[in-house]
Amino acid sequence: MVVHAAGRQDQDGARDVLKRLGGRVPRLKVVFGNSAYGRSGLPGWVQDHFWWTLEVVRRLARKKRFRVLPKRWIVERTFAWLSAFRRHSKDYERSPTSSETMILISMIYLVSQRLAKAQRRI
């Protein structure tokens, strides 16, 4: 996870995220992103540096009603989980580092709650 200023383009921030993932996830083969990640030569850069495939999930042409797109719902679901924490409802953090830390703490809490619930079922 990388948090950066809102003025930075998604495809530029993606390079930082992918560099962090570099040697940490040896089984990773495909990365999904929306149309912004198809710009600036990002798919080629991902293939050259990591040997992964960057698959761009595009919206269906000219569909006016809401449609759940494959893989993109995962990101939206995660944002919904984070929005349950009041701290994330506004931009309270003064630096990207503290914002990144608060997101990490929230996700640790969510995962630990799910693990505890799964443990109780066993």
PDB file of N, CA and C in Angstrom:
ATOM      1  N   MET A   1       0.848  -1.161   0.000  1.00  0.00           N
ATOM      2  CA  MET A   1       0.000   0.000   0.000  1.00  0.00           C
ATOM      3  C   MET A   1       0.902   1.236   0.000  1.00  0.00           C
ATOM      4  N   VAL A   2       0.514   2.188  -0.810  1.00  0.00           N
ATOM      5  CA  VAL A   2       1.234   3.457  -0.878  1.00  0.00           C
ATOM      6  C   VAL A   2       0.184   4.562  -0.902  1.00  0.00           C
ATOM      7  N   VAL A   3       0.335   5.544  -0.039  1.00  0.00           N
ATOM      8  CA  VAL A   3      -0.557   6.702  -0.034  1.00  0.00           C
ATOM      9  C   VAL A   3       0.247   7.879  -0.559  1.00  0.00           C
ATOM     10  N   HIS A   4      -0.341   8.595  -1.516  1.00  0.00           N
ATOM     11  CA  HIS A   4       0.341   9.770  -2.065  1.00  0.00           C
ATOM     12  C   HIS A   4      -0.651  10.902  -2.236  1.00  0.00           C
ATOM     13  N   ALA A   5      -0.168  12.069  -2.603  1.00  0.00           N
ATOM     14  CA  ALA A   5      -1.006  13.252  -2.747  1.00  0.00           C
ATOM     15  C   ALA A   5      -2.068  13.035  -3.822  1.00  0.00           C
ATOM     16  N   ALA A   6      -3.217  13.684  -3.666  1.00  0.00           N
ATOM     17  CA  ALA A   6      -4.335  13.506  -4.595  1.00  0.00           C
ATOM     18  C   ALA A   6      -4.012  14.024  -5.991  1.00  0.00           C
ATOM     19  N   GLY A   7      -3.066  14.941  -6.098  1.00  0.00           N
ATOM     20  CA  GLY A   7      -2.709  15.498  -7.394  1.00  0.00           C
ATOM     21  C   GLY A   7      -1.856  14.575  -8.254  1.00  0.00           C
ATOM     22  N   ARG A   8      -1.442  13.480  -7.720  1.00  0.00           N
ATOM     23  CA  ARG A   8      -0.582  12.540  -8.459  1.00  0.00           C
ATOM     24  C   ARG A   8      -1.458  11.557  -9.234  1.00  0.00           C
ATOM     25  N   GLN A   9      -1.101  11.294 -10.466  1.00  0.00           N
ATOM     26  CA  GLN A   9      -1.881  10.398 -11.321  1.00  0.00           C
ATOM     27  C   GLN A   9      -1.774   8.949 -10.856  1.00  0.00           C
ATOM     28  N   ASP A  10      -2.845   8.186 -11.048  1.00  0.00           N
ATOM     29  CA  ASP A  10      -2.877   6.783 -10.624  1.00  0.00           C
ATOM     30  C   ASP A  10      -1.761   5.957 -11.246  1.00  0.00           C
ATOM     31  N   GLN A  11      -1.545   6.144 -12.536  1.00  0.00           N
ATOM     32  CA  GLN A  11      -0.526   5.321 -13.197  1.00  0.00           C
ATOM     33  C   GLN A  11       0.878   5.624 -12.678  1.00  0.00           C
ATOM     34  N   ASP A  12       1.118   6.821 -12.177  1.00  0.00           N
ATOM     35  CA  ASP A  12       2.427   7.146 -11.594  1.00  0.00           C
ATOM     36  C   ASP A  12       2.561   6.532 -10.203  1.00  0.00           C
ATOM     37  N   GLY A  13       1.497   6.591  -9.415  1.00  0.00           N
ATOM     38  CA  GLY A  13       1.511   5.981  -8.089  1.00  0.00           C
ATOM     39  C   GLY A  13       1.598   4.461  -8.155  1.00  0.00           C
ATOM     40  N   ALA A  14       1.054   3.887  -9.221  1.00  0.00           N
ATOM     41  CA  ALA A  14       1.084   2.426  -9.382  1.00  0.00           C
ATOM     42  C   ALA A  14       2.513   1.906  -9.448  1.00  0.00           C
ATOM     43  N   ARG A  15       3.389   2.656 -10.044  1.00  0.00           N
ATOM     44  CA  ARG A  15       4.792   2.218 -10.130  1.00  0.00           C
ATOM     45  C   ARG A  15       5.400   2.046  -8.731  1.00  0.00           C
ATOM     46  N   ASP A  16       5.078   2.963  -7.814  1.00  0.00           N
ATOM     47  CA  ASP A  16       5.587   2.857  -6.440  1.00  0.00           C
ATOM     48  C   ASP A  16       5.034   1.620  -5.738  1.00  0.00           C
ATOM     49  N   VAL A  17       3.731   1.375  -5.918  1.00  0.00           N
ATOM     50  CA  VAL A  17       3.103   0.207  -5.289  1.00  0.00           C
ATOM     51  C   VAL A  17       3.735  -1.075  -5.819  1.00  0.00           C
ATOM     52  N   LEU A  18       3.886  -1.156  -7.121  1.00  0.00           N
ATOM     53  CA  LEU A  18       4.429  -2.369  -7.729  1.00  0.00           C
ATOM     54  C   LEU A  18       5.893  -2.589  -7.372  1.00  0.00           C
ATOM     55  N   LYS A  19       6.647  -1.512  -7.216  1.00  0.00           N
ATOM     56  CA  LYS A  19       8.043  -1.655  -6.779  1.00  0.00           C
ATOM     57  C   LYS A  19       8.105  -2.253  -5.375  1.00  0.00           C
ATOM     58  N   ARG A  20       7.188  -1.845  -4.508  1.00  0.00           N
ATOM     59  CA  ARG A  20       7.150  -2.412  -3.152  1.00  0.00           C
ATOM     60  C   ARG A  20       6.793  -3.892  -3.169  1.00  0.00           C
ATOM     61  N   LEU A  21       5.944  -4.282  -4.105  1.00  0.00           N
ATOM     62  CA  LEU A  21       5.537  -5.681  -4.195  1.00  0.00           C
ATOM     63  C   LEU A  21       6.616  -6.571  -4.794  1.00  0.00           C
ATOM     64  N   GLY A  22       7.483  -5.959  -5.589  1.00  0.00           N
ATOM     65  CA  GLY A  22       8.506  -6.661  -6.352  1.00  0.00           C
ATOM     66  C   GLY A  22       8.889  -8.059  -5.939  1.00  0.00           C
ATOM     67  N   GLY A  23       9.641  -8.251  -4.885  1.00  0.00           N
ATOM     68  CA  GLY A  23      10.095  -9.563  -4.485  1.00  0.00           C
ATOM     69  C   GLY A  23       9.262 -10.202  -3.386  1.00  0.00           C
ATOM     70  N   ARG A  24       8.192  -9.549  -2.970  1.00  0.00           N
ATOM     71  CA  ARG A  24       7.419 -10.028  -1.819  1.00  0.00           C
ATOM     72  C   ARG A  24       6.347 -11.054  -2.162  1.00  0.00           C
ATOM     73  N   VAL A  25       5.902 -11.085  -3.391  1.00  0.00           N
ATOM     74  CA  VAL A  25       4.808 -11.985  -3.776  1.00  0.00           C
ATOM     75  C   VAL A  25       5.215 -12.813  -5.001  1.00  0.00           C
ATOM     76  N   PRO A  26       5.948 -13.874  -4.768  1.00  0.00           N
ATOM     77  CA  PRO A  26       6.485 -14.637  -5.900  1.00  0.00           C
ATOM     78  C   PRO A  26       5.422 -15.305  -6.768  1.00  0.00           C
ATOM     79  N   ARG A  27       4.227 -15.547  -6.224  1.00  0.00           N
ATOM     80  CA  ARG A  27       3.188 -16.224  -7.004  1.00  0.00           C
ATOM     81  C   ARG A  27       2.356 -15.263  -7.851  1.00  0.00           C
ATOM     82  N   LEU A  28       2.551 -13.963  -7.681  1.00  0.00           N
ATOM     83  CA  LEU A  28       1.766 -12.978  -8.422  1.00  0.00           C
ATOM     84  C   LEU A  28       2.091 -13.051  -9.904  1.00  0.00           C
ATOM     85  N   LYS A  29       1.052 -13.131 -10.730  1.00  0.00           N
ATOM     86  CA  LYS A  29       1.245 -13.191 -12.179  1.00  0.00           C
ATOM     87  C   LYS A  29       0.436 -12.137 -12.921  1.00  0.00           C
ATOM     88  N   VAL A  30      -0.741 -11.777 -12.372  1.00  0.00           N
ATOM     89  CA  VAL A  30      -1.626 -10.821 -13.034  1.00  0.00           C
ATOM     90  C   VAL A  30      -2.015  -9.726 -12.051  1.00  0.00           C
ATOM     91  N   VAL A  31      -1.945  -8.479 -12.508  1.00  0.00           N
ATOM     92  CA  VAL A  31      -2.356  -7.318 -11.725  1.00  0.00           C
ATOM     93  C   VAL A  31      -3.525  -6.692 -12.480  1.00  0.00           C
ATOM     94  N   PHE A  32      -4.602  -6.356 -11.779  1.00  0.00           N
ATOM     95  CA  PHE A  32      -5.769  -5.751 -12.410  1.00  0.00           C
ATOM     96  C   PHE A  32      -5.825  -4.267 -12.090  1.00  0.00           C
ATOM     97  N   GLY A  33      -6.290  -3.474 -13.046  1.00  0.00           N
ATOM     98  CA  GLY A  33      -6.449  -2.045 -12.835  1.00  0.00           C
ATOM     99  C   GLY A  33      -7.507  -1.478 -13.757  1.00  0.00           C
ATOM    100  N   ASN A  34      -7.952  -0.254 -13.486  1.00  0.00           N
ATOM    101  CA  ASN A  34      -8.934   0.372 -14.373  1.00  0.00           C
ATOM    102  C   ASN A  34      -8.219   1.029 -15.550  1.00  0.00           C
ATOM    103  N   SER A  35      -8.964   1.747 -16.367  1.00  0.00           N
ATOM    104  CA  SER A  35      -8.400   2.279 -17.614  1.00  0.00           C
ATOM    105  C   SER A  35      -7.230   3.233 -17.385  1.00  0.00           C
ATOM    106  N   ALA A  36      -7.156   3.886 -16.247  1.00  0.00           N
ATOM    107  CA  ALA A  36      -6.040   4.802 -15.963  1.00  0.00           C
ATOM    108  C   ALA A  36      -4.698   4.060 -15.971  1.00  0.00           C
ATOM    109  N   TYR A  37      -4.721   2.787 -15.618  1.00  0.00           N
ATOM    110  CA  TYR A  37      -3.484   2.023 -15.541  1.00  0.00           C
ATOM    111  C   TYR A  37      -3.003   1.533 -16.898  1.00  0.00           C
ATOM    112  N   GLY A  38      -3.772   1.786 -17.936  1.00  0.00           N
ATOM    113  CA  GLY A  38      -3.349   1.426 -19.282  1.00  0.00           C
ATOM    114  C   GLY A  38      -2.565   2.541 -19.955  1.00  0.00           C
ATOM    115  N   ARG A  39      -2.397   3.651 -19.280  1.00  0.00           N
ATOM    116  CA  ARG A  39      -1.721   4.826 -19.858  1.00  0.00           C
ATOM    117  C   ARG A  39      -0.234   4.845 -19.530  1.00  0.00           C
ATOM    118  N   SER A  40       0.453   5.742 -20.209  1.00  0.00           N
ATOM    119  CA  SER A  40       1.866   6.048 -19.934  1.00  0.00           C
ATOM    120  C   SER A  40       2.782   4.830 -20.003  1.00  0.00           C
ATOM    121  N   GLY A  41       2.410   3.855 -20.801  1.00  0.00           N
ATOM    122  CA  GLY A  41       3.271   2.685 -20.971  1.00  0.00           C
ATOM    123  C   GLY A  41       3.381   1.801 -19.753  1.00  0.00           C
ATOM    124  N   LEU A  42       2.442   1.926 -18.815  1.00  0.00           N
ATOM    125  CA  LEU A  42       2.506   1.151 -17.576  1.00  0.00           C
ATOM    126  C   LEU A  42       2.439  -0.363 -17.804  1.00  0.00           C
ATOM    127  N   PRO A  43       1.547  -0.873 -18.671  1.00  0.00           N
ATOM    128  CA  PRO A  43       1.524  -2.326 -18.871  1.00  0.00           C
ATOM    129  C   PRO A  43       2.870  -2.880 -19.367  1.00  0.00           C
ATOM    130  N   GLY A  44       3.512  -2.185 -20.278  1.00  0.00           N
ATOM    131  CA  GLY A  44       4.826  -2.611 -20.760  1.00  0.00           C
ATOM    132  C   GLY A  44       5.890  -2.538 -19.679  1.00  0.00           C
ATOM    133  N   TRP A  45       5.831  -1.490 -18.861  1.00  0.00           N
ATOM    134  CA  TRP A  45       6.790  -1.326 -17.762  1.00  0.00           C
ATOM    135  C   TRP A  45       6.644  -2.467 -16.758  1.00  0.00           C
ATOM    136  N   VAL A  46       5.403  -2.833 -16.439  1.00  0.00           N
ATOM    137  CA  VAL A  46       5.154  -3.937 -15.504  1.00  0.00           C
ATOM    138  C   VAL A  46       5.710  -5.234 -16.071  1.00  0.00           C
ATOM    139  N   GLN A  47       5.456  -5.478 -17.343  1.00  0.00           N
ATOM    140  CA  GLN A  47       5.953  -6.703 -17.991  1.00  0.00           C
ATOM    141  C   GLN A  47       7.489  -6.726 -18.010  1.00  0.00           C
ATOM    142  N   ASP A  48       8.115  -5.618 -18.328  1.00  0.00           N
ATOM    143  CA  ASP A  48       9.584  -5.556 -18.414  1.00  0.00           C
ATOM    144  C   ASP A  48      10.262  -5.711 -17.058  1.00  0.00           C
ATOM    145  N   HIS A  49       9.690  -5.087 -16.018  1.00  0.00           N
ATOM    146  CA  HIS A  49      10.344  -5.092 -14.712  1.00  0.00           C
ATOM    147  C   HIS A  49      10.028  -6.312 -13.854  1.00  0.00           C
ATOM    148  N   PHE A  50       8.809  -6.840 -13.968  1.00  0.00           N
ATOM    149  CA  PHE A  50       8.390  -7.893 -13.042  1.00  0.00           C
ATOM    150  C   PHE A  50       7.916  -9.177 -13.715  1.00  0.00           C
ATOM    151  N   TRP A  51       7.714  -9.143 -15.022  1.00  0.00           N
ATOM    152  CA  TRP A  51       7.197 -10.293 -15.769  1.00  0.00           C
ATOM    153  C   TRP A  51       5.748 -10.592 -15.398  1.00  0.00           C
ATOM    154  N   TRP A  52       5.028  -9.599 -14.942  1.00  0.00           N
ATOM    155  CA  TRP A  52       3.619  -9.760 -14.622  1.00  0.00           C
ATOM    156  C   TRP A  52       2.799  -9.209 -15.785  1.00  0.00           C
ATOM    157  N   THR A  53       1.541  -9.545 -15.822  1.00  0.00           N
ATOM    158  CA  THR A  53       0.615  -8.998 -16.804  1.00  0.00           C
ATOM    159  C   THR A  53      -0.277  -7.985 -16.104  1.00  0.00           C
ATOM    160  N   LEU A  54      -0.350  -6.779 -16.644  1.00  0.00           N
ATOM    161  CA  LEU A  54      -1.267  -5.769 -16.130  1.00  0.00           C
ATOM    162  C   LEU A  54      -2.516  -5.821 -16.991  1.00  0.00           C
ATOM    163  N   GLU A  55      -3.604  -6.320 -16.414  1.00  0.00           N
ATOM    164  CA  GLU A  55      -4.862  -6.457 -17.146  1.00  0.00           C
ATOM    165  C   GLU A  55      -5.765  -5.286 -16.796  1.00  0.00           C
ATOM    166  N   VAL A  56      -6.139  -4.526 -17.817  1.00  0.00           N
ATOM    167  CA  VAL A  56      -6.993  -3.358 -17.623  1.00  0.00           C
ATOM    168  C   VAL A  56      -8.447  -3.807 -17.733  1.00  0.00           C
ATOM    169  N   VAL A  57      -9.224  -3.544 -16.672  1.00  0.00           N
ATOM    170  CA  VAL A  57     -10.650  -3.877 -16.647  1.00  0.00           C
ATOM    171  C   VAL A  57     -11.397  -2.632 -17.098  1.00  0.00           C
ATOM    172  N   ARG A  58     -11.989  -2.710 -18.265  1.00  0.00           N
ATOM    173  CA  ARG A  58     -12.666  -1.544 -18.840  1.00  0.00           C
ATOM    174  C   ARG A  58     -14.174  -1.639 -18.646  1.00  0.00           C
ATOM    175  N   ARG A  59     -14.814  -0.461 -18.616  1.00  0.00           N
ATOM    176  CA  ARG A  59     -16.273  -0.410 -18.564  1.00  0.00           C
ATOM    177  C   ARG A  59     -16.846  -0.846 -19.900  1.00  0.00           C
ATOM    178  N   LEU A  60     -18.037  -1.389 -19.856  1.00  0.00           N
ATOM    179  CA  LEU A  60     -18.725  -1.749 -21.090  1.00  0.00           C
ATOM    180  C   LEU A  60     -19.119  -0.473 -21.809  1.00  0.00           C
ATOM    181  N   ALA A  61     -18.936  -0.429 -23.103  1.00  0.00           N
ATOM    182  CA  ALA A  61     -19.174   0.788 -23.880  1.00  0.00           C
ATOM    183  C   ALA A  61     -20.631   1.232 -23.804  1.00  0.00           C
ATOM    184  N   ARG A  62     -20.817   2.479 -23.485  1.00  0.00           N
ATOM    185  CA  ARG A  62     -22.105   3.160 -23.511  1.00  0.00           C
ATOM    186  C   ARG A  62     -23.211   2.520 -22.686  1.00  0.00           C
ATOM    187  N   LYS A  63     -22.867   1.918 -21.616  1.00  0.00           N
ATOM    188  CA  LYS A  63     -23.884   1.386 -20.709  1.00  0.00           C
ATOM    189  C   LYS A  63     -24.170   2.451 -19.664  1.00  0.00           C
ATOM    190  N   LYS A  64     -25.418   2.889 -19.578  1.00  0.00           N
ATOM    191  CA  LYS A  64     -25.748   3.984 -18.671  1.00  0.00           C
ATOM    192  C   LYS A  64     -26.100   3.526 -17.274  1.00  0.00           C
ATOM    193  N   ARG A  65     -26.499   2.273 -17.125  1.00  0.00           N
ATOM    194  CA  ARG A  65     -26.859   1.824 -15.789  1.00  0.00           C
ATOM    195  C   ARG A  65     -25.661   1.164 -15.107  1.00  0.00           C
ATOM    196  N   PHE A  66     -25.781   1.050 -13.809  1.00  0.00           N
ATOM    197  CA  PHE A  66     -24.692   0.489 -13.011  1.00  0.00           C
ATOM    198  C   PHE A  66     -24.470  -0.981 -13.337  1.00  0.00           C
ATOM    199  N   ARG A  67     -23.221  -1.356 -13.491  1.00  0.00           N
ATOM    200  CA  ARG A  67     -22.838  -2.753 -13.698  1.00  0.00           C
ATOM    201  C   ARG A  67     -21.632  -3.049 -12.820  1.00  0.00           C
ATOM    202  N   VAL A  68     -21.649  -4.207 -12.166  1.00  0.00           N
ATOM    203  CA  VAL A  68     -20.493  -4.641 -11.390  1.00  0.00           C
ATOM    204  C   VAL A  68     -19.471  -5.169 -12.376  1.00  0.00           C
ATOM    205  N   LEU A  69     -18.281  -4.594 -12.354  1.00  0.00           N
ATOM    206  CA  LEU A  69     -17.230  -5.019 -13.275  1.00  0.00           C
ATOM    207  C   LEU A  69     -16.350  -6.064 -12.605  1.00  0.00           C
ATOM    208  N   PRO A  70     -15.897  -7.027 -13.385  1.00  0.00           N
ATOM    209  CA  PRO A  70     -15.042  -8.068 -12.805  1.00  0.00           C
ATOM    210  C   PRO A  70     -13.806  -7.451 -12.149  1.00  0.00           C
ATOM    211  N   LYS A  71     -13.472  -7.931 -10.980  1.00  0.00           N
ATOM    212  CA  LYS A  71     -12.286  -7.548 -10.207  1.00  0.00           C
ATOM    213  C   LYS A  71     -12.352  -6.154  -9.610  1.00  0.00           C
ATOM    214  N   ARG A  72     -13.000  -5.184 -10.243  1.00  0.00           N
ATOM    215  CA  ARG A  72     -13.037  -3.835  -9.689  1.00  0.00           C
ATOM    216  C   ARG A  72     -13.887  -3.757  -8.435  1.00  0.00           C
ATOM    217  N   TRP A  73     -14.862  -4.614  -8.275  1.00  0.00           N
ATOM    218  CA  TRP A  73     -15.711  -4.598  -7.086  1.00  0.00           C
ATOM    219  C   TRP A  73     -14.894  -4.889  -5.839  1.00  0.00           C
ATOM    220  N   ILE A  74     -13.782  -5.604  -5.971  1.00  0.00           N
ATOM    221  CA  ILE A  74     -12.942  -5.935  -4.819  1.00  0.00           C
ATOM    222  C   ILE A  74     -12.383  -4.656  -4.190  1.00  0.00           C
ATOM    223  N   VAL A  75     -11.933  -3.742  -5.032  1.00  0.00           N
ATOM    224  CA  VAL A  75     -11.390  -2.473  -4.542  1.00  0.00           C
ATOM    225  C   VAL A  75     -12.496  -1.651  -3.893  1.00  0.00           C
ATOM    226  N   GLU A  76     -13.650  -1.576  -4.544  1.00  0.00           N
ATOM    227  CA  GLU A  76     -14.758  -0.792  -3.993  1.00  0.00           C
ATOM    228  C   GLU A  76     -15.229  -1.373  -2.660  1.00  0.00           C
ATOM    229  N   ARG A  77     -15.247  -2.687  -2.548  1.00  0.00           N
ATOM    230  CA  ARG A  77     -15.639  -3.335  -1.300  1.00  0.00           C
ATOM    231  C   ARG A  77     -14.657  -2.963  -0.182  1.00  0.00           C
ATOM    232  N   THR A  78     -13.368  -2.945  -0.499  1.00  0.00           N
ATOM    233  CA  THR A  78     -12.353  -2.594   0.493  1.00  0.00           C
ATOM    234  C   THR A  78     -12.523  -1.149   0.948  1.00  0.00           C
ATOM    235  N   PHE A  79     -12.811  -0.240   0.012  1.00  0.00           N
ATOM    236  CA  PHE A  79     -13.067   1.151   0.399  1.00  0.00           C
ATOM    237  C   PHE A  79     -14.288   1.235   1.306  1.00  0.00           C
ATOM    238  N   ALA A  80     -15.309   0.438   1.037  1.00  0.00           N
ATOM    239  CA  ALA A  80     -16.502   0.432   1.887  1.00  0.00           C
ATOM    240  C   ALA A  80     -16.154  -0.046   3.292  1.00  0.00           C
ATOM    241  N   TRP A  81     -15.317  -1.078   3.404  1.00  0.00           N
ATOM    242  CA  TRP A  81     -14.896  -1.553   4.718  1.00  0.00           C
ATOM    243  C   TRP A  81     -14.179  -0.442   5.478  1.00  0.00           C
ATOM    244  N   LEU A  82     -13.284   0.270   4.795  1.00  0.00           N
ATOM    245  CA  LEU A  82     -12.518   1.334   5.448  1.00  0.00           C
ATOM    246  C   LEU A  82     -13.407   2.507   5.850  1.00  0.00           C
ATOM    247  N   SER A  83     -14.452   2.761   5.087  1.00  0.00           N
ATOM    248  CA  SER A  83     -15.321   3.896   5.410  1.00  0.00           C
ATOM    249  C   SER A  83     -16.105   3.676   6.697  1.00  0.00           C
ATOM    250  N   ALA A  84     -16.122   2.448   7.215  1.00  0.00           N
ATOM    251  CA  ALA A  84     -16.785   2.179   8.488  1.00  0.00           C
ATOM    252  C   ALA A  84     -16.015   2.793   9.658  1.00  0.00           C
ATOM    253  N   PHE A  85     -14.772   3.156   9.448  1.00  0.00           N
ATOM    254  CA  PHE A  85     -13.946   3.776  10.491  1.00  0.00           C
ATOM    255  C   PHE A  85     -14.061   5.292  10.369  1.00  0.00           C
ATOM    256  N   ARG A  86     -14.485   5.932  11.435  1.00  0.00           N
ATOM    257  CA  ARG A  86     -14.701   7.371  11.410  1.00  0.00           C
ATOM    258  C   ARG A  86     -13.439   8.135  11.009  1.00  0.00           C
ATOM    259  N   ARG A  87     -12.301   7.633  11.387  1.00  0.00           N
ATOM    260  CA  ARG A  87     -11.032   8.305  11.098  1.00  0.00           C
ATOM    261  C   ARG A  87     -10.820   8.468   9.591  1.00  0.00           C
ATOM    262  N   HIS A  88     -11.429   7.588   8.802  1.00  0.00           N
ATOM    263  CA  HIS A  88     -11.257   7.652   7.345  1.00  0.00           C
ATOM    264  C   HIS A  88     -12.353   8.463   6.655  1.00  0.00           C
ATOM    265  N   SER A  89     -13.322   8.973   7.419  1.00  0.00           N
ATOM    266  CA  SER A  89     -14.422   9.700   6.803  1.00  0.00           C
ATOM    267  C   SER A  89     -13.982  11.067   6.275  1.00  0.00           C
ATOM    268  N   LYS A  90     -12.981  11.619   6.877  1.00  0.00           N
ATOM    269  CA  LYS A  90     -12.411  12.900   6.441  1.00  0.00           C
ATOM    270  C   LYS A  90     -10.903  12.737   6.353  1.00  0.00           C
ATOM    271  N   ASP A  91     -10.258  13.706   5.766  1.00  0.00           N
ATOM    272  CA  ASP A  91      -8.804  13.643   5.640  1.00  0.00           C
ATOM    273  C   ASP A  91      -8.175  14.292   6.871  1.00  0.00           C
ATOM    274  N   TYR A  92      -8.123  13.539   7.977  1.00  0.00           N
ATOM    275  CA  TYR A  92      -7.595  14.066   9.227  1.00  0.00           C
ATOM    276  C   TYR A  92      -6.067  14.046   9.271  1.00  0.00           C
ATOM    277  N   GLU A  93      -5.464  13.200   8.497  1.00  0.00           N
ATOM    278  CA  GLU A  93      -4.012  13.014   8.589  1.00  0.00           C
ATOM    279  C   GLU A  93      -3.272  14.183   7.931  1.00  0.00           C
ATOM    280  N   ARG A  94      -2.130  14.500   8.503  1.00  0.00           N
ATOM    281  CA  ARG A  94      -1.337  15.611   7.976  1.00  0.00           C
ATOM    282  C   ARG A  94      -0.283  15.162   6.971  1.00  0.00           C
ATOM    283  N   SER A  95       0.027  13.880   6.969  1.00  0.00           N
ATOM    284  CA  SER A  95       1.033  13.396   6.023  1.00  0.00           C
ATOM    285  C   SER A  95       0.574  12.078   5.409  1.00  0.00           C
ATOM    286  N   PRO A  96       1.044  11.767   4.213  1.00  0.00           N
ATOM    287  CA  PRO A  96       0.707  10.479   3.598  1.00  0.00           C
ATOM    288  C   PRO A  96       1.153   9.291   4.443  1.00  0.00           C
ATOM    289  N   THR A  97       2.254   9.442   5.170  1.00  0.00           N
ATOM    290  CA  THR A  97       2.751   8.345   6.002  1.00  0.00           C
ATOM    291  C   THR A  97       1.769   8.019   7.123  1.00  0.00           C
ATOM    292  N   SER A  98       1.231   9.047   7.788  1.00  0.00           N
ATOM    293  CA  SER A  98       0.271   8.776   8.863  1.00  0.00           C
ATOM    294  C   SER A  98      -1.041   8.231   8.297  1.00  0.00           C
ATOM    295  N   SER A  99      -1.431   8.689   7.123  1.00  0.00           N
ATOM    296  CA  SER A  99      -2.631   8.164   6.481  1.00  0.00           C
ATOM    297  C   SER A  99      -2.447   6.690   6.132  1.00  0.00           C
ATOM    298  N   GLU A 100      -1.300   6.359   5.586  1.00  0.00           N
ATOM    299  CA  GLU A 100      -0.980   4.970   5.248  1.00  0.00           C
ATOM    300  C   GLU A 100      -0.993   4.095   6.505  1.00  0.00           C
ATOM    301  N   THR A 101      -0.458   4.614   7.592  1.00  0.00           N
ATOM    302  CA  THR A 101      -0.423   3.870   8.851  1.00  0.00           C
ATOM    303  C   THR A 101      -1.824   3.616   9.381  1.00  0.00           C
ATOM    304  N   MET A 102      -2.702   4.619   9.314  1.00  0.00           N
ATOM    305  CA  MET A 102      -4.069   4.441   9.798  1.00  0.00           C
ATOM    306  C   MET A 102      -4.833   3.425   8.959  1.00  0.00           C
ATOM    307  N   ILE A 103      -4.605   3.419   7.657  1.00  0.00           N
ATOM    308  CA  ILE A 103      -5.245   2.416   6.798  1.00  0.00           C
ATOM    309  C   ILE A 103      -4.742   1.028   7.169  1.00  0.00           C
ATOM    310  N   LEU A 104      -3.454   0.908   7.403  1.00  0.00           N
ATOM    311  CA  LEU A 104      -2.880  -0.384   7.791  1.00  0.00           C
ATOM    312  C   LEU A 104      -3.458  -0.875   9.124  1.00  0.00           C
ATOM    313  N   ILE A 105      -3.573   0.009  10.093  1.00  0.00           N
ATOM    314  CA  ILE A 105      -4.150  -0.361  11.394  1.00  0.00           C
ATOM    315  C   ILE A 105      -5.603  -0.804  11.224  1.00  0.00           C
ATOM    316  N   SER A 106      -6.363  -0.087  10.403  1.00  0.00           N
ATOM    317  CA  SER A 106      -7.759  -0.453  10.162  1.00  0.00           C
ATOM    318  C   SER A 106      -7.862  -1.829   9.513  1.00  0.00           C
ATOM    319  N   MET A 107      -7.011  -2.096   8.545  1.00  0.00           N
ATOM    320  CA  MET A 107      -7.053  -3.396   7.861  1.00  0.00           C
ATOM    321  C   MET A 107      -6.612  -4.520   8.797  1.00  0.00           C
ATOM    322  N   ILE A 108      -5.643  -4.260   9.656  1.00  0.00           N
ATOM    323  CA  ILE A 108      -5.231  -5.267  10.653  1.00  0.00           C
ATOM    324  C   ILE A 108      -6.406  -5.593  11.560  1.00  0.00           C
ATOM    325  N   TYR A 109      -7.134  -4.575  11.982  1.00  0.00           N
ATOM    326  CA  TYR A 109      -8.301  -4.783  12.829  1.00  0.00           C
ATOM    327  C   TYR A 109      -9.358  -5.638  12.107  1.00  0.00           C
ATOM    328  N   LEU A 110      -9.651  -5.284  10.853  1.00  0.00           N
ATOM    329  CA  LEU A 110     -10.653  -6.029  10.095  1.00  0.00           C
ATOM    330  C   LEU A 110     -10.265  -7.497   9.916  1.00  0.00           C
ATOM    331  N   VAL A 111      -9.015  -7.734   9.563  1.00  0.00           N
ATOM    332  CA  VAL A 111      -8.558  -9.105   9.352  1.00  0.00           C
ATOM    333  C   VAL A 111      -8.570  -9.885  10.666  1.00  0.00           C
ATOM    334  N   SER A 112      -8.124  -9.256  11.755  1.00  0.00           N
ATOM    335  CA  SER A 112      -8.100  -9.963  13.038  1.00  0.00           C
ATOM    336  C   SER A 112      -9.525 -10.301  13.498  1.00  0.00           C
ATOM    337  N   GLN A 113     -10.487  -9.420  13.243  1.00  0.00           N
ATOM    338  CA  GLN A 113     -11.875  -9.710  13.582  1.00  0.00           C
ATOM    339  C   GLN A 113     -12.402 -10.904  12.787  1.00  0.00           C
ATOM    340  N   ARG A 114     -12.066 -10.949  11.522  1.00  0.00           N
ATOM    341  CA  ARG A 114     -12.509 -12.077  10.690  1.00  0.00           C
ATOM    342  C   ARG A 114     -11.834 -13.376  11.108  1.00  0.00           C
ATOM    343  N   LEU A 115     -10.562 -13.312  11.460  1.00  0.00           N
ATOM    344  CA  LEU A 115      -9.868 -14.513  11.918  1.00  0.00           C
ATOM    345  C   LEU A 115     -10.442 -15.011  13.243  1.00  0.00           C
ATOM    346  N   ALA A 116     -10.759 -14.090  14.133  1.00  0.00           N
ATOM    347  CA  ALA A 116     -11.342 -14.479  15.424  1.00  0.00           C
ATOM    348  C   ALA A 116     -12.717 -15.118  15.222  1.00  0.00           C
ATOM    349  N   LYS A 117     -13.509 -14.561  14.301  1.00  0.00           N
ATOM    350  CA  LYS A 117     -14.823 -15.122  14.014  1.00  0.00           C
ATOM    351  C   LYS A 117     -14.692 -16.524  13.404  1.00  0.00           C
ATOM    352  N   ALA A 118     -13.731 -16.710  12.536  1.00  0.00           N
ATOM    353  CA  ALA A 118     -13.501 -18.016  11.931  1.00  0.00           C
ATOM    354  C   ALA A 118     -13.022 -19.027  12.977  1.00  0.00           C
ATOM    355  N   GLN A 119     -12.223 -18.566  13.912  1.00  0.00           N
ATOM    356  CA  GLN A 119     -11.702 -19.437  14.971  1.00  0.00           C
ATOM    357  C   GLN A 119     -12.838 -19.912  15.882  1.00  0.00           C
ATOM    358  N   ARG A 120     -13.804 -19.027  16.153  1.00  0.00           N
ATOM    359  CA  ARG A 120     -14.939 -19.402  17.006  1.00  0.00           C
ATOM    360  C   ARG A 120     -15.818 -20.469  16.356  1.00  0.00           C
ATOM    361  N   ARG A 121     -15.859 -20.474  15.030  1.00  0.00           N
ATOM    362  CA  ARG A 121     -16.680 -21.469  14.325  1.00  0.00           C
ATOM    363  C   ARG A 121     -16.067 -22.857  14.345  1.00  0.00           C
ATOM    364  N   ILE A 122     -14.774 -22.937  14.553  1.00  0.00           N
ATOM    365  CA  ILE A 122     -14.087 -24.236  14.519  1.00  0.00           C
ATOM    366  C   ILE A 122     -14.359 -25.040  15.751  1.00  0.00           C
TER     367      ILE A 122
END
